[in-house]
Amino acid sequence: MGLFTLVWHYLKSKPLNTAINVVLLSLGIAVITTLLLFNSQLEEKINENVKGIDLVVGAKGSPLQLILCSIFHVDFPTGNIKLAEAEKISRNRLIKSSIPLALGDSYKSFRIVGTNRDYANLFGAELEQGDWWSNDLDVVVGSNVSQVTHIKRGDQFASAHGLTMEGSAHNEHHYKVSGVLKRTNSVLDNLILTNIESIWKMHEEGDSAGSNHIDVADSSVVRSRLVPSIAAGDSAREITSLLIQYRSPLAAIQLPRLVNAQSSLQAASPAFETARLFSILGVGAEMLMGFAYVLIIVSGLSIFIALYNSLKERRYDMAIMRSMGASRSKLFVLMLLEGGVLTLAGSVIGLLAGHAALSILSLFVQENFKAGISGIVFYSKEWIILGASLLLGLCCALIPAVQAYRTDISKVLAGN
């Protein structure tokens, strides 16, 4: 009979103990795997979405809220800023490029963003069908928006104020879908893009700003750099925020201080605020990770006790094996193999359970779906988890294996 067959029969003879050991270990491994997958993907998505954005300028308020709203589109704006002030900032010699954003409305909880083509180019966006917007109220939708809402090129819809479906609808105007974007695995997949003029038009009912619009046919007017359809310095117009890319490292020192000195504006660094966000999220993750480690330690102790008790019960069987020609090293390997099989089973089940848990969360939790968090992504760190758990099993089996190696045939047989 081979060693693996023998180990299998030993484990099968005590199904309850085997099941408890495997379940304890697999629970701990599953929690660690889920946290590893979630944190790794979240960090990747955050880094992808802030790529090319060095600074966000918006209304005074919470810097983290400004970042969450303007880059990740998961929070409400801190307010609006005058287009004239944004224009003044964008002309600073320290700035390489600046992208305006106008927010406020959504469709079925997907945010509508007034901007220009530079914003889409920031993520390398390409059209899957249709064309880019060419007229006011034309929109281009992200892949997740099209998938969830089933809207396609040529469809029309009314937007709602805010980020929830309960917001008041703007029924006086309707957006028209001119194109659908290919999947970019970025925040762009969850957005509806249009020009800034469309956002203004949607809100100009009863707004005195509507009467201040400059006729674009007047060639003598100096055009705005951010919104070329209106005059530069038009103080009646507002946007939500400005995404800025530095021209040189010197800008990181001077520009935020310059912006924050203005009473109506604030500058928020995506790198700093996302690091602060991770530190906040890290508290809960560390608590869960600590709980997982406790489960693994308890599992290791349980495996050690099970093997040690098993050794006592099987001393006579091992003595018989020795008398029939089995070597000391074979008994030593037998005990190590039993611990290794237990931990291997628990580790594999735990890894699969971690992936399955995140996949289920991605299906039922909309935020996970929007963030692009998936359970079918695999990381090399999972091999480290598997190797560490196997090492744990071998360590737990080491003392029983040494005891098996030192088994005295004559004493055992004489005592029985």
Protein backbone atom coordinates (compact mmCIF):
# COMPACT_ATOMS: atom_id res chain seq x y z
CA MET A 1 0.00 0.00 0.00
CA GLY A 2 1.42 3.41 -0.98
CA LEU A 3 1.97 6.24 1.48
CA PHE A 4 -0.72 8.46 -0.07
CA THR A 5 -3.27 5.64 0.09
CA LEU A 6 -2.36 5.01 3.71
CA VAL A 7 -2.69 8.71 4.58
CA TRP A 8 -6.05 8.87 2.85
CA HIS A 9 -7.38 5.92 4.88
CA TYR A 10 -6.11 7.45 8.13
CA LEU A 11 -7.85 10.78 7.39
CA LYS A 12 -11.03 9.05 6.24
CA SER A 13 -11.18 7.01 9.44
CA LYS A 14 -11.79 10.23 11.43
CA PRO A 15 -13.97 12.36 9.14
CA LEU A 16 -15.09 14.84 11.82
CA ASN A 17 -11.55 15.75 12.92
CA THR A 18 -10.42 15.97 9.32
CA ALA A 19 -13.37 18.18 8.36
CA ILE A 20 -12.85 20.54 11.32
CA ASN A 21 -9.15 20.99 10.56
CA VAL A 22 -9.78 21.61 6.86
CA VAL A 23 -12.67 24.04 7.49
CA LEU A 24 -10.73 26.09 10.06
CA LEU A 25 -7.76 26.46 7.78
CA SER A 26 -9.84 27.14 4.67
CA LEU A 27 -11.79 29.92 6.44
CA GLY A 28 -8.59 31.72 7.36
CA ILE A 29 -7.12 31.28 3.88
CA ALA A 30 -10.40 32.43 2.28
CA VAL A 31 -10.43 35.69 4.28
CA ILE A 32 -6.78 36.40 3.43
CA THR A 33 -7.37 35.60 -0.26
CA THR A 34 -10.45 37.83 -0.47
CA LEU A 35 -8.60 40.75 1.15
CA LEU A 36 -5.59 40.19 -1.12
CA LEU A 37 -7.74 40.20 -4.26
CA PHE A 38 -9.84 43.18 -3.19
CA ASN A 39 -6.97 45.37 -1.98
CA SER A 40 -4.72 44.57 -4.94
CA GLN A 41 -7.41 45.27 -7.53
CA LEU A 42 -8.61 48.39 -5.72
CA GLU A 43 -5.08 49.76 -5.60
CA GLU A 44 -4.58 48.99 -9.30
CA LYS A 45 -7.86 50.70 -10.24
CA ILE A 46 -7.03 53.76 -8.16
CA ASN A 47 -3.58 54.06 -9.72
CA GLU A 48 -5.05 53.67 -13.21
CA ASN A 49 -7.70 56.34 -12.60
CA VAL A 50 -5.31 58.95 -11.18
CA LYS A 51 -2.70 58.39 -13.89
CA GLY A 52 -1.95 61.69 -15.59
CA ILE A 53 -3.73 63.77 -12.93
CA ASP A 54 -1.38 65.59 -10.56
CA LEU A 55 -3.83 68.03 -8.97
CA VAL A 56 -7.57 68.65 -8.71
CA VAL A 57 -8.85 72.20 -8.26
CA GLY A 58 -12.38 72.78 -7.00
CA ALA A 59 -14.51 74.58 -4.46
CA LYS A 60 -13.49 74.82 -0.82
CA GLY A 61 -14.43 71.80 1.29
CA SER A 62 -13.08 68.35 1.97
CA PRO A 63 -10.03 67.56 -0.22
CA LEU A 64 -10.84 63.82 -0.07
CA GLN A 65 -14.42 64.52 -1.16
CA LEU A 66 -13.11 66.57 -4.08
CA ILE A 67 -10.87 63.66 -5.17
CA LEU A 68 -13.63 61.04 -4.74
CA CYS A 69 -16.03 63.19 -6.73
CA SER A 70 -13.79 64.43 -9.54
CA ILE A 71 -11.62 61.34 -10.16
CA PHE A 72 -13.56 58.32 -8.91
CA HIS A 73 -17.07 59.80 -9.25
CA VAL A 74 -18.40 58.21 -6.06
CA ASP A 75 -19.22 61.34 -4.04
CA PHE A 76 -20.99 64.66 -4.39
CA PRO A 77 -19.20 67.86 -5.49
CA THR A 78 -17.91 70.29 -2.87
CA GLY A 79 -19.51 73.05 -4.95
CA ASN A 80 -18.87 74.91 -8.18
CA ILE A 81 -16.14 77.33 -9.20
CA LYS A 82 -16.28 80.25 -11.60
CA LEU A 83 -15.08 79.42 -15.09
CA ALA A 84 -13.12 82.67 -15.12
CA GLU A 85 -11.14 81.56 -12.04
CA ALA A 86 -10.52 78.12 -13.53
CA GLU A 87 -9.38 79.78 -16.75
CA LYS A 88 -6.93 81.94 -14.83
CA ILE A 89 -5.46 78.90 -13.07
CA SER A 90 -5.20 76.88 -16.30
CA ARG A 91 -3.03 79.60 -17.91
CA ASN A 92 -0.36 79.27 -15.24
CA ARG A 93 3.07 78.48 -16.72
CA LEU A 94 3.48 75.55 -14.29
CA ILE A 95 0.56 73.68 -15.85
CA LYS A 96 1.03 71.37 -18.82
CA SER A 97 -2.66 70.55 -19.35
CA SER A 98 -5.99 71.15 -17.63
CA ILE A 99 -9.32 69.37 -18.14
CA PRO A 100 -12.60 70.95 -16.95
CA LEU A 101 -15.39 68.89 -15.40
CA ALA A 102 -19.02 69.90 -14.93
CA LEU A 103 -21.02 67.51 -12.73
CA GLY A 104 -24.42 67.35 -11.09
CA ASP A 105 -26.68 64.90 -12.92
CA SER A 106 -26.90 61.18 -13.51
CA TYR A 107 -28.89 58.51 -15.30
CA LYS A 108 -29.83 55.40 -13.31
CA SER A 109 -27.03 56.22 -10.82
CA PHE A 110 -24.40 56.60 -13.58
CA ARG A 111 -22.86 60.06 -13.50
CA ILE A 112 -23.10 62.44 -16.46
CA VAL A 113 -19.84 64.34 -16.93
CA GLY A 114 -19.53 67.53 -18.91
CA THR A 115 -15.96 67.78 -20.22
CA ASN A 116 -13.93 67.71 -23.43
CA ARG A 117 -12.24 64.99 -25.48
CA ASP A 118 -9.01 65.36 -23.48
CA TYR A 119 -10.72 63.60 -20.57
CA ALA A 120 -11.50 60.52 -22.68
CA ASN A 121 -7.99 60.59 -24.17
CA LEU A 122 -6.58 60.49 -20.64
CA PHE A 123 -7.78 56.87 -20.40
CA GLY A 124 -7.04 55.96 -24.01
CA ALA A 125 -10.76 55.62 -24.77
CA GLU A 126 -11.98 54.34 -28.12
CA LEU A 127 -15.47 54.05 -29.56
CA GLU A 128 -17.06 50.64 -29.91
CA GLN A 129 -19.97 52.06 -31.90
CA GLY A 130 -21.21 55.44 -33.05
CA ASP A 131 -19.44 58.80 -32.93
CA TRP A 132 -18.20 61.32 -30.39
CA TRP A 133 -20.58 64.09 -29.39
CA SER A 134 -20.83 66.88 -31.95
CA ASN A 135 -23.90 68.79 -30.72
CA ASP A 136 -25.24 69.89 -27.37
CA LEU A 137 -27.04 67.08 -25.48
CA ASP A 138 -25.19 64.39 -27.45
CA VAL A 139 -23.56 61.86 -25.09
CA VAL A 140 -21.11 58.98 -25.26
CA VAL A 141 -21.69 56.21 -22.69
CA GLY A 142 -19.23 53.85 -21.02
CA SER A 143 -19.38 50.09 -21.50
CA ASN A 144 -20.84 49.34 -18.05
CA VAL A 145 -23.51 52.01 -18.56
CA SER A 146 -24.56 50.44 -21.84
CA GLN A 147 -24.49 46.93 -20.35
CA VAL A 148 -26.56 47.75 -17.26
CA THR A 149 -29.06 50.26 -18.69
CA HIS A 150 -29.26 48.64 -22.18
CA ILE A 151 -29.08 52.03 -23.88
CA LYS A 152 -27.45 52.16 -27.30
CA ARG A 153 -26.67 54.56 -30.09
CA GLY A 154 -29.69 56.69 -31.02
CA ASP A 155 -31.54 56.22 -27.70
CA GLN A 156 -32.72 59.25 -25.74
CA PHE A 157 -33.11 59.68 -21.98
CA ALA A 158 -33.81 62.28 -19.31
CA SER A 159 -31.24 62.87 -16.60
CA ALA A 160 -31.89 63.12 -12.86
CA HIS A 161 -30.33 65.56 -10.43
CA GLY A 162 -27.72 64.02 -8.14
CA LEU A 163 -26.33 60.49 -8.12
CA THR A 164 -29.45 58.55 -7.16
CA MET A 165 -32.48 57.50 -9.19
CA GLU A 166 -34.68 59.38 -6.70
CA GLY A 167 -33.34 62.75 -7.87
CA SER A 168 -35.65 65.19 -9.67
CA ALA A 169 -35.74 64.57 -13.42
CA HIS A 170 -34.89 67.13 -16.10
CA ASN A 171 -37.76 66.37 -18.45
CA GLU A 172 -37.48 69.62 -20.41
CA HIS A 173 -34.42 68.31 -22.27
CA HIS A 174 -33.33 64.84 -23.31
CA TYR A 175 -29.85 63.53 -23.99
CA LYS A 176 -29.20 61.50 -27.13
CA VAL A 177 -26.65 58.67 -27.26
CA SER A 178 -24.23 59.27 -30.13
CA GLY A 179 -21.72 56.54 -29.25
CA VAL A 180 -20.66 53.75 -26.90
CA LEU A 181 -17.10 53.37 -25.59
CA LYS A 182 -15.02 50.23 -25.60
CA ARG A 183 -14.19 48.83 -22.17
CA THR A 184 -11.20 50.61 -20.62
CA ASN A 185 -11.28 48.95 -17.15
CA SER A 186 -11.29 52.44 -15.67
CA VAL A 187 -13.82 54.82 -14.16
CA LEU A 188 -14.73 55.79 -17.72
CA ASP A 189 -16.74 52.56 -18.06
CA ASN A 190 -19.25 53.94 -15.54
CA LEU A 191 -19.63 57.45 -16.96
CA ILE A 192 -21.78 59.28 -19.51
CA LEU A 193 -19.70 61.91 -21.30
CA THR A 194 -20.90 65.06 -23.01
CA ASN A 195 -19.71 68.61 -23.55
CA ILE A 196 -19.91 71.21 -20.79
CA GLU A 197 -22.43 73.27 -22.73
CA SER A 198 -24.92 70.39 -22.43
CA ILE A 199 -24.69 70.51 -18.63
CA TRP A 200 -25.26 74.27 -18.67
CA LYS A 201 -28.19 73.91 -21.08
CA MET A 202 -29.79 71.27 -18.85
CA HIS A 203 -29.72 73.67 -15.89
CA GLU A 204 -30.33 77.00 -17.57
CA GLU A 205 -34.08 77.01 -16.97
CA GLY A 206 -34.69 79.99 -14.74
CA ASP A 207 -30.94 80.63 -14.53
CA SER A 208 -29.82 84.13 -15.33
CA ALA A 209 -26.56 82.71 -16.59
CA GLY A 210 -28.37 81.58 -19.68
CA SER A 211 -28.78 85.16 -20.84
CA ASN A 212 -25.04 85.80 -20.62
CA HIS A 213 -24.09 83.26 -23.26
CA ILE A 214 -21.81 84.76 -25.91
CA ASP A 215 -22.67 84.25 -29.56
CA VAL A 216 -20.02 81.88 -30.89
CA ALA A 217 -20.32 83.45 -34.35
CA ASP A 218 -18.68 86.65 -33.06
CA SER A 219 -15.08 86.12 -34.17
CA SER A 220 -13.88 89.22 -32.31
CA VAL A 221 -14.52 87.54 -28.93
CA VAL A 222 -11.49 86.04 -27.14
CA ARG A 223 -12.35 82.38 -26.64
CA SER A 224 -12.07 80.49 -23.39
CA ARG A 225 -9.23 77.99 -23.33
CA LEU A 226 -11.32 75.47 -21.38
CA VAL A 227 -14.67 75.94 -23.17
CA PRO A 228 -14.00 77.51 -26.58
CA SER A 229 -17.69 78.16 -27.31
CA ILE A 230 -17.85 81.05 -24.85
CA ALA A 231 -15.82 84.14 -24.11
CA ALA A 232 -12.78 83.91 -21.87
CA GLY A 233 -13.45 85.42 -18.45
CA ASP A 234 -17.23 84.94 -18.59
CA SER A 235 -17.87 85.13 -14.84
CA ALA A 236 -21.46 83.90 -15.15
CA ARG A 237 -20.43 80.37 -16.05
CA GLU A 238 -19.39 77.71 -13.55
CA ILE A 239 -17.75 74.30 -13.63
CA THR A 240 -17.22 71.73 -10.87
CA SER A 241 -13.48 71.11 -10.97
CA LEU A 242 -10.30 71.19 -12.96
CA LEU A 243 -7.96 68.21 -13.51
CA ILE A 244 -4.38 69.42 -13.81
CA GLN A 245 -1.15 67.87 -15.04
CA TYR A 246 2.11 69.52 -13.99
CA ARG A 247 4.68 70.81 -16.44
CA SER A 248 7.57 70.26 -14.01
CA PRO A 249 8.17 68.89 -10.47
CA LEU A 250 8.44 72.49 -9.26
CA ALA A 251 4.68 72.83 -9.78
CA ALA A 252 4.00 70.31 -7.00
CA ILE A 253 5.50 72.76 -4.52
CA GLN A 254 4.21 76.08 -5.81
CA LEU A 255 0.84 75.45 -7.47
CA PRO A 256 -1.18 73.96 -4.55
CA ARG A 257 -0.06 76.83 -2.32
CA LEU A 258 -1.03 79.35 -5.01
CA VAL A 259 -4.49 77.83 -5.50
CA ASN A 260 -5.26 77.43 -1.79
CA ALA A 261 -4.37 81.09 -1.21
CA GLN A 262 -7.50 82.02 -3.18
CA SER A 263 -10.52 82.12 -0.89
CA SER A 264 -12.93 80.36 -3.28
CA LEU A 265 -10.65 77.55 -4.52
CA GLN A 266 -8.85 74.55 -3.08
CA ALA A 267 -6.23 72.22 -4.53
CA ALA A 268 -6.22 68.52 -3.66
CA SER A 269 -3.43 66.08 -4.48
CA PRO A 270 -4.72 62.67 -5.71
CA ALA A 271 -1.55 60.93 -4.50
CA PHE A 272 -1.85 62.30 -0.97
CA GLU A 273 -5.62 61.83 -0.64
CA THR A 274 -5.63 58.28 -2.02
CA ALA A 275 -2.84 57.38 0.43
CA ARG A 276 -5.01 58.79 3.21
CA LEU A 277 -7.99 56.82 1.90
CA PHE A 278 -5.97 53.59 1.98
CA SER A 279 -4.90 54.31 5.56
CA ILE A 280 -8.57 54.68 6.53
CA LEU A 281 -9.60 51.49 4.74
CA GLY A 282 -6.53 49.71 6.08
CA VAL A 283 -7.85 49.72 9.67
CA GLY A 284 -10.78 47.45 8.81
CA ALA A 285 -8.65 45.30 6.51
CA GLU A 286 -6.04 44.79 9.22
CA MET A 287 -8.72 43.70 11.70
CA LEU A 288 -10.05 41.13 9.24
CA MET A 289 -6.52 39.99 8.44
CA GLY A 290 -5.81 39.57 12.16
CA PHE A 291 -8.96 37.46 12.52
CA ALA A 292 -7.80 35.31 9.59
CA TYR A 293 -4.38 34.77 11.17
CA VAL A 294 -6.06 33.71 14.43
CA LEU A 295 -8.10 31.13 12.50
CA ILE A 296 -4.96 29.81 10.81
CA ILE A 297 -3.07 29.56 14.13
CA VAL A 298 -6.01 27.74 15.73
CA SER A 299 -6.12 25.47 12.69
CA GLY A 300 -2.39 24.75 13.05
CA LEU A 301 -2.80 23.84 16.72
CA SER A 302 -5.77 21.66 15.86
CA ILE A 303 -3.75 19.81 13.20
CA PHE A 304 -0.88 19.32 15.65
CA ILE A 305 -3.19 17.91 18.36
CA ALA A 306 -4.95 15.65 15.85
CA LEU A 307 -1.67 14.22 14.56
CA TYR A 308 -0.22 13.82 18.04
CA ASN A 309 -3.30 11.95 19.28
CA SER A 310 -3.35 9.94 16.08
CA LEU A 311 0.24 8.92 16.71
CA LYS A 312 -0.63 7.57 20.15
CA GLU A 313 -3.51 5.56 18.74
CA ARG A 314 -1.41 4.18 15.87
CA ARG A 315 1.80 3.31 17.72
CA TYR A 316 1.02 -0.42 17.53
CA ASP A 317 0.23 -0.15 13.78
CA MET A 318 3.54 1.62 13.22
CA ALA A 319 5.40 -0.99 15.21
CA ILE A 320 3.85 -3.68 13.02
CA MET A 321 4.89 -1.70 9.92
CA ARG A 322 8.44 -1.49 11.25
CA SER A 323 8.52 -5.22 11.93
CA MET A 324 7.37 -5.86 8.36
CA GLY A 325 10.27 -3.87 6.93
CA ALA A 326 9.13 -0.23 6.96
CA SER A 327 12.05 2.09 7.74
CA ARG A 328 12.09 4.85 10.37
CA SER A 329 12.29 7.46 7.61
CA LYS A 330 9.15 6.04 5.99
CA LEU A 331 7.16 6.56 9.22
CA PHE A 332 8.65 10.05 9.52
CA VAL A 333 7.54 10.91 5.97
CA LEU A 334 4.11 9.35 6.62
CA MET A 335 3.36 11.79 9.48
CA LEU A 336 4.68 14.78 7.51
CA LEU A 337 2.60 13.74 4.53
CA GLU A 338 -0.53 13.54 6.65
CA GLY A 339 -0.01 17.11 7.90
CA GLY A 340 0.80 18.27 4.38
CA VAL A 341 -2.33 16.73 2.88
CA LEU A 342 -4.53 18.34 5.54
CA THR A 343 -3.09 21.81 4.98
CA LEU A 344 -3.04 21.40 1.19
CA ALA A 345 -6.74 20.53 1.19
CA GLY A 346 -7.57 23.45 3.48
CA SER A 347 -5.42 25.87 1.45
CA VAL A 348 -6.84 24.93 -1.94
CA ILE A 349 -10.42 25.07 -0.65
CA GLY A 350 -9.68 28.41 1.04
CA LEU A 351 -8.18 29.93 -2.11
CA LEU A 352 -11.14 28.80 -4.22
CA ALA A 353 -13.58 30.05 -1.57
CA GLY A 354 -11.88 33.46 -1.53
CA HIS A 355 -12.23 33.83 -5.30
CA ALA A 356 -15.83 32.59 -5.19
CA ALA A 357 -16.75 35.01 -2.38
CA LEU A 358 -15.41 38.01 -4.29
CA SER A 359 -17.15 36.87 -7.48
CA ILE A 360 -20.47 36.68 -5.64
CA LEU A 361 -19.92 40.13 -4.11
CA SER A 362 -19.15 41.54 -7.56
CA LEU A 363 -22.46 40.18 -8.85
CA PHE A 364 -24.65 41.51 -6.05
CA VAL A 365 -22.83 44.66 -4.89
CA GLN A 366 -23.09 47.36 -7.56
CA GLU A 367 -20.10 49.32 -6.23
CA ASN A 368 -17.84 46.29 -6.74
CA PHE A 369 -19.19 45.85 -10.26
CA LYS A 370 -18.61 49.52 -11.09
CA ALA A 371 -15.10 49.40 -9.65
CA GLY A 372 -14.29 46.40 -11.85
CA ILE A 373 -13.44 44.16 -8.87
CA SER A 374 -13.45 40.54 -10.03
CA GLY A 375 -12.98 37.17 -8.39
CA ILE A 376 -11.43 35.57 -11.46
CA VAL A 377 -8.17 37.51 -11.20
CA PHE A 378 -5.15 35.57 -9.89
CA TYR A 379 -1.97 36.93 -8.29
CA SER A 380 1.45 35.39 -7.76
CA LYS A 381 1.11 36.16 -4.04
CA GLU A 382 -1.41 33.34 -3.81
CA TRP A 383 1.45 30.88 -4.34
CA ILE A 384 3.07 32.40 -1.25
CA ILE A 385 -0.15 31.79 0.70
CA LEU A 386 -0.24 28.19 -0.51
CA GLY A 387 3.44 27.62 0.29
CA ALA A 388 3.16 29.21 3.74
CA SER A 389 0.16 27.08 4.66
CA LEU A 390 1.98 23.91 3.54
CA LEU A 391 4.97 24.92 5.64
CA LEU A 392 2.61 25.41 8.58
CA GLY A 393 1.25 21.88 8.12
CA LEU A 394 4.73 20.40 7.97
CA CYS A 395 5.78 22.28 11.11
CA CYS A 396 2.68 21.05 12.95
CA ALA A 397 3.46 17.49 11.87
CA LEU A 398 7.16 17.69 12.73
CA ILE A 399 6.94 16.67 16.42
CA PRO A 400 4.57 13.73 15.77
CA ALA A 401 6.85 12.69 12.87
CA VAL A 402 9.92 12.72 15.14
CA GLN A 403 8.00 10.63 17.71
CA ALA A 404 7.08 8.18 14.96
CA TYR A 405 10.73 8.02 13.87
CA ARG A 406 11.80 7.14 17.41
CA THR A 407 9.22 4.38 17.86
CA ASP A 408 10.76 1.42 19.72
CA ILE A 409 9.34 -1.76 18.17
CA SER A 410 10.16 -4.07 21.06
CA LYS A 411 8.64 -1.86 23.75
CA VAL A 412 5.46 -1.19 21.79
CA LEU A 413 4.89 -4.82 20.90
CA ALA A 414 5.78 -5.99 24.40
CA GLY A 415 3.30 -3.53 25.91
CA ASN A 416 0.53 -4.82 23.75
